[in-house]
Amino acid sequence: MESKAAITALGALAHATRLEIFRLLVRAGAEGLSVGRIAEALGIDANGRLTFHLKELVGAGLANSRQEGRFVFYSTNYGAMNELLRYLTEDCCGGLGCDEIVAACDTESCA
């Protein structure tokens, strides 16, 4: 993944509503959710604002949309999500590699 694509994806996730939508779509699986179900799950109106947030996620490559009859369904683009995670963690763990468990520190000892 190029850094420009990572910046776009992270920018799309850098909004509370979009992050919540993305996490909801990740939990929903490959079938995804209709706009109405997303709005219901988030307790918000299915209006232009929600559509704007969904289009931002699609534009960043993190979500896909598909039309089924009169409903639009959105789902996670797991390939793009994994690419972003790989990009963010490719040099993780001080060079130890991500397959090794590294003990987490508590906030007091990390200061």
C-alpha atoms as a PDB file:
ATOM      1  CA  MET A   1       0.000   0.000   0.000  1.00  0.00           C
ATOM      2  CA  GLU A   2       1.232   3.452  -0.874  1.00  0.00           C
ATOM      3  CA  SER A   3       1.328   6.068   1.883  1.00  0.00           C
ATOM      4  CA  LYS A   4      -1.183   8.236  -0.036  1.00  0.00           C
ATOM      5  CA  ALA A   5      -3.758   5.396   0.045  1.00  0.00           C
ATOM      6  CA  ALA A   6      -3.060   4.847   3.747  1.00  0.00           C
ATOM      7  CA  ILE A   7      -3.582   8.543   4.462  1.00  0.00           C
ATOM      8  CA  THR A   8      -6.885   8.486   2.562  1.00  0.00           C
ATOM      9  CA  ALA A   9      -8.077   5.405   4.471  1.00  0.00           C
ATOM     10  CA  LEU A  10      -7.000   6.778   7.833  1.00  0.00           C
ATOM     11  CA  GLY A  11      -8.631  10.111   7.003  1.00  0.00           C
ATOM     12  CA  ALA A  12     -11.893   8.326   6.279  1.00  0.00           C
ATOM     13  CA  LEU A  13     -11.698   6.577   9.649  1.00  0.00           C
ATOM     14  CA  ALA A  14     -10.781   9.798  11.481  1.00  0.00           C
ATOM     15  CA  HIS A  15     -14.411  10.713  12.114  1.00  0.00           C
ATOM     16  CA  ALA A  16     -16.447   9.221  14.953  1.00  0.00           C
ATOM     17  CA  THR A  17     -19.472   8.316  12.823  1.00  0.00           C
ATOM     18  CA  ARG A  18     -17.418   6.761  10.018  1.00  0.00           C
ATOM     19  CA  LEU A  19     -15.320   4.784  12.470  1.00  0.00           C
ATOM     20  CA  GLU A  20     -18.487   3.485  14.119  1.00  0.00           C
ATOM     21  CA  ILE A  21     -19.973   2.596  10.714  1.00  0.00           C
ATOM     22  CA  PHE A  22     -16.784   0.817   9.676  1.00  0.00           C
ATOM     23  CA  ARG A  23     -16.655  -1.238  12.869  1.00  0.00           C
ATOM     24  CA  LEU A  24     -20.327  -2.114  12.404  1.00  0.00           C
ATOM     25  CA  LEU A  25     -19.660  -3.265   8.835  1.00  0.00           C
ATOM     26  CA  VAL A  26     -16.673  -5.344   9.955  1.00  0.00           C
ATOM     27  CA  ARG A  27     -18.931  -7.153  12.430  1.00  0.00           C
ATOM     28  CA  ALA A  28     -21.674  -7.602   9.806  1.00  0.00           C
ATOM     29  CA  GLY A  29     -19.514  -9.797   7.583  1.00  0.00           C
ATOM     30  CA  ALA A  30     -19.384 -10.156   3.828  1.00  0.00           C
ATOM     31  CA  GLU A  31     -23.122  -9.685   3.285  1.00  0.00           C
ATOM     32  CA  GLY A  32     -22.979  -6.207   4.773  1.00  0.00           C
ATOM     33  CA  LEU A  33     -25.945  -4.116   5.839  1.00  0.00           C
ATOM     34  CA  SER A  34     -28.530  -1.943   4.155  1.00  0.00           C
ATOM     35  CA  VAL A  35     -28.459   1.786   4.768  1.00  0.00           C
ATOM     36  CA  GLY A  36     -31.617   1.437   6.882  1.00  0.00           C
ATOM     37  CA  ARG A  37     -30.037  -1.243   9.081  1.00  0.00           C
ATOM     38  CA  ILE A  38     -26.896   0.839   9.521  1.00  0.00           C
ATOM     39  CA  ALA A  39     -28.974   3.849  10.569  1.00  0.00           C
ATOM     40  CA  GLU A  40     -31.025   1.696  12.942  1.00  0.00           C
ATOM     41  CA  ALA A  41     -27.919   0.168  14.538  1.00  0.00           C
ATOM     42  CA  LEU A  42     -26.372   3.593  15.057  1.00  0.00           C
ATOM     43  CA  GLY A  43     -29.588   5.240  16.201  1.00  0.00           C
ATOM     44  CA  ILE A  44     -29.430   7.913  13.514  1.00  0.00           C
ATOM     45  CA  ASP A  45     -31.566   8.928  10.531  1.00  0.00           C
ATOM     46  CA  ALA A  46     -30.987   7.325   7.139  1.00  0.00           C
ATOM     47  CA  ASN A  47     -30.424  10.646   5.418  1.00  0.00           C
ATOM     48  CA  GLY A  48     -27.895  12.448   3.241  1.00  0.00           C
ATOM     49  CA  ARG A  49     -25.434  12.777   6.098  1.00  0.00           C
ATOM     50  CA  LEU A  50     -25.269   8.995   6.555  1.00  0.00           C
ATOM     51  CA  THR A  51     -24.939   8.539   2.803  1.00  0.00           C
ATOM     52  CA  PHE A  52     -22.060  11.047   2.793  1.00  0.00           C
ATOM     53  CA  HIS A  53     -20.203   9.040   5.464  1.00  0.00           C
ATOM     54  CA  LEU A  54     -20.779   5.779   3.601  1.00  0.00           C
ATOM     55  CA  LYS A  55     -19.519   7.294   0.351  1.00  0.00           C
ATOM     56  CA  GLU A  56     -16.380   8.502   2.149  1.00  0.00           C
ATOM     57  CA  LEU A  57     -15.651   4.928   3.264  1.00  0.00           C
ATOM     58  CA  VAL A  58     -16.271   3.628  -0.268  1.00  0.00           C
ATOM     59  CA  GLY A  59     -14.116   6.400  -1.744  1.00  0.00           C
ATOM     60  CA  ALA A  60     -11.279   5.462   0.592  1.00  0.00           C
ATOM     61  CA  GLY A  61     -11.580   1.851  -0.560  1.00  0.00           C
ATOM     62  CA  LEU A  62     -12.568   0.558   2.868  1.00  0.00           C
ATOM     63  CA  ALA A  63     -16.154  -0.350   1.960  1.00  0.00           C
ATOM     64  CA  ASN A  64     -18.117  -1.587  -1.027  1.00  0.00           C
ATOM     65  CA  SER A  65     -21.696  -0.863  -2.018  1.00  0.00           C
ATOM     66  CA  ARG A  66     -24.166  -2.894  -4.033  1.00  0.00           C
ATOM     67  CA  GLN A  67     -27.716  -2.300  -5.162  1.00  0.00           C
ATOM     68  CA  GLU A  68     -30.315  -5.014  -4.503  1.00  0.00           C
ATOM     69  CA  GLY A  69     -33.679  -3.891  -5.762  1.00  0.00           C
ATOM     70  CA  ARG A  70     -34.423  -0.594  -4.116  1.00  0.00           C
ATOM     71  CA  PHE A  71     -31.947  -1.126  -1.275  1.00  0.00           C
ATOM     72  CA  VAL A  72     -28.247  -0.260  -1.141  1.00  0.00           C
ATOM     73  CA  PHE A  73     -26.047  -2.539   0.924  1.00  0.00           C
ATOM     74  CA  TYR A  74     -22.603  -1.663   2.237  1.00  0.00           C
ATOM     75  CA  SER A  75     -19.917  -4.109   3.290  1.00  0.00           C
ATOM     76  CA  THR A  76     -16.298  -4.001   4.399  1.00  0.00           C
ATOM     77  CA  ASN A  77     -13.567  -4.305   1.803  1.00  0.00           C
ATOM     78  CA  TYR A  78     -11.557  -6.760   3.898  1.00  0.00           C
ATOM     79  CA  GLY A  79      -8.667  -6.792   1.414  1.00  0.00           C
ATOM     80  CA  ALA A  80      -8.192  -3.032   1.775  1.00  0.00           C
ATOM     81  CA  MET A  81      -8.595  -3.264   5.543  1.00  0.00           C
ATOM     82  CA  ASN A  82      -5.890  -5.933   5.709  1.00  0.00           C
ATOM     83  CA  GLU A  83      -3.619  -3.920   3.417  1.00  0.00           C
ATOM     84  CA  LEU A  84      -3.960  -0.931   5.751  1.00  0.00           C
ATOM     85  CA  LEU A  85      -3.212  -3.082   8.776  1.00  0.00           C
ATOM     86  CA  ARG A  86      -0.174  -4.587   7.003  1.00  0.00           C
ATOM     87  CA  TYR A  87       1.039  -1.109   6.077  1.00  0.00           C
ATOM     88  CA  LEU A  88       0.678   0.107   9.660  1.00  0.00           C
ATOM     89  CA  THR A  89       2.394  -2.920  11.174  1.00  0.00           C
ATOM     90  CA  GLU A  90       4.992  -3.948   8.599  1.00  0.00           C
ATOM     91  CA  ASP A  91       7.859  -2.846  10.843  1.00  0.00           C
ATOM     92  CA  CYS A  92       6.172  -3.580  14.136  1.00  0.00           C
ATOM     93  CA  CYS A  93       7.465  -5.133  17.301  1.00  0.00           C
ATOM     94  CA  GLY A  94      10.941  -3.653  17.147  1.00  0.00           C
ATOM     95  CA  GLY A  95      11.866  -5.972  14.286  1.00  0.00           C
ATOM     96  CA  LEU A  96      10.745  -9.107  16.117  1.00  0.00           C
ATOM     97  CA  GLY A  97       7.918  -9.817  13.689  1.00  0.00           C
ATOM     98  CA  CYS A  98       4.218  -9.846  14.374  1.00  0.00           C
ATOM     99  CA  ASP A  99       4.002 -13.588  14.824  1.00  0.00           C
ATOM    100  CA  GLU A 100       5.752 -13.293  18.177  1.00  0.00           C
ATOM    101  CA  ILE A 101       3.866 -12.173  21.251  1.00  0.00           C
ATOM    102  CA  VAL A 102       5.211  -8.964  22.720  1.00  0.00           C
ATOM    103  CA  ALA A 103       4.103  -8.133  26.234  1.00  0.00           C
ATOM    104  CA  ALA A 104       2.050  -4.969  26.447  1.00  0.00           C
ATOM    105  CA  CYS A 105       3.044  -2.387  28.996  1.00  0.00           C
ATOM    106  CA  ASP A 106       0.685  -0.569  31.283  1.00  0.00           C
ATOM    107  CA  THR A 107       0.413   3.205  31.020  1.00  0.00           C
ATOM    108  CA  GLU A 108       2.489   3.822  34.152  1.00  0.00           C
ATOM    109  CA  SER A 109       5.548   1.865  33.011  1.00  0.00           C
ATOM    110  CA  CYS A 110       5.397   3.324  29.475  1.00  0.00           C
ATOM    111  CA  ALA A 111       5.687   6.924  30.630  1.00  0.00           C
END
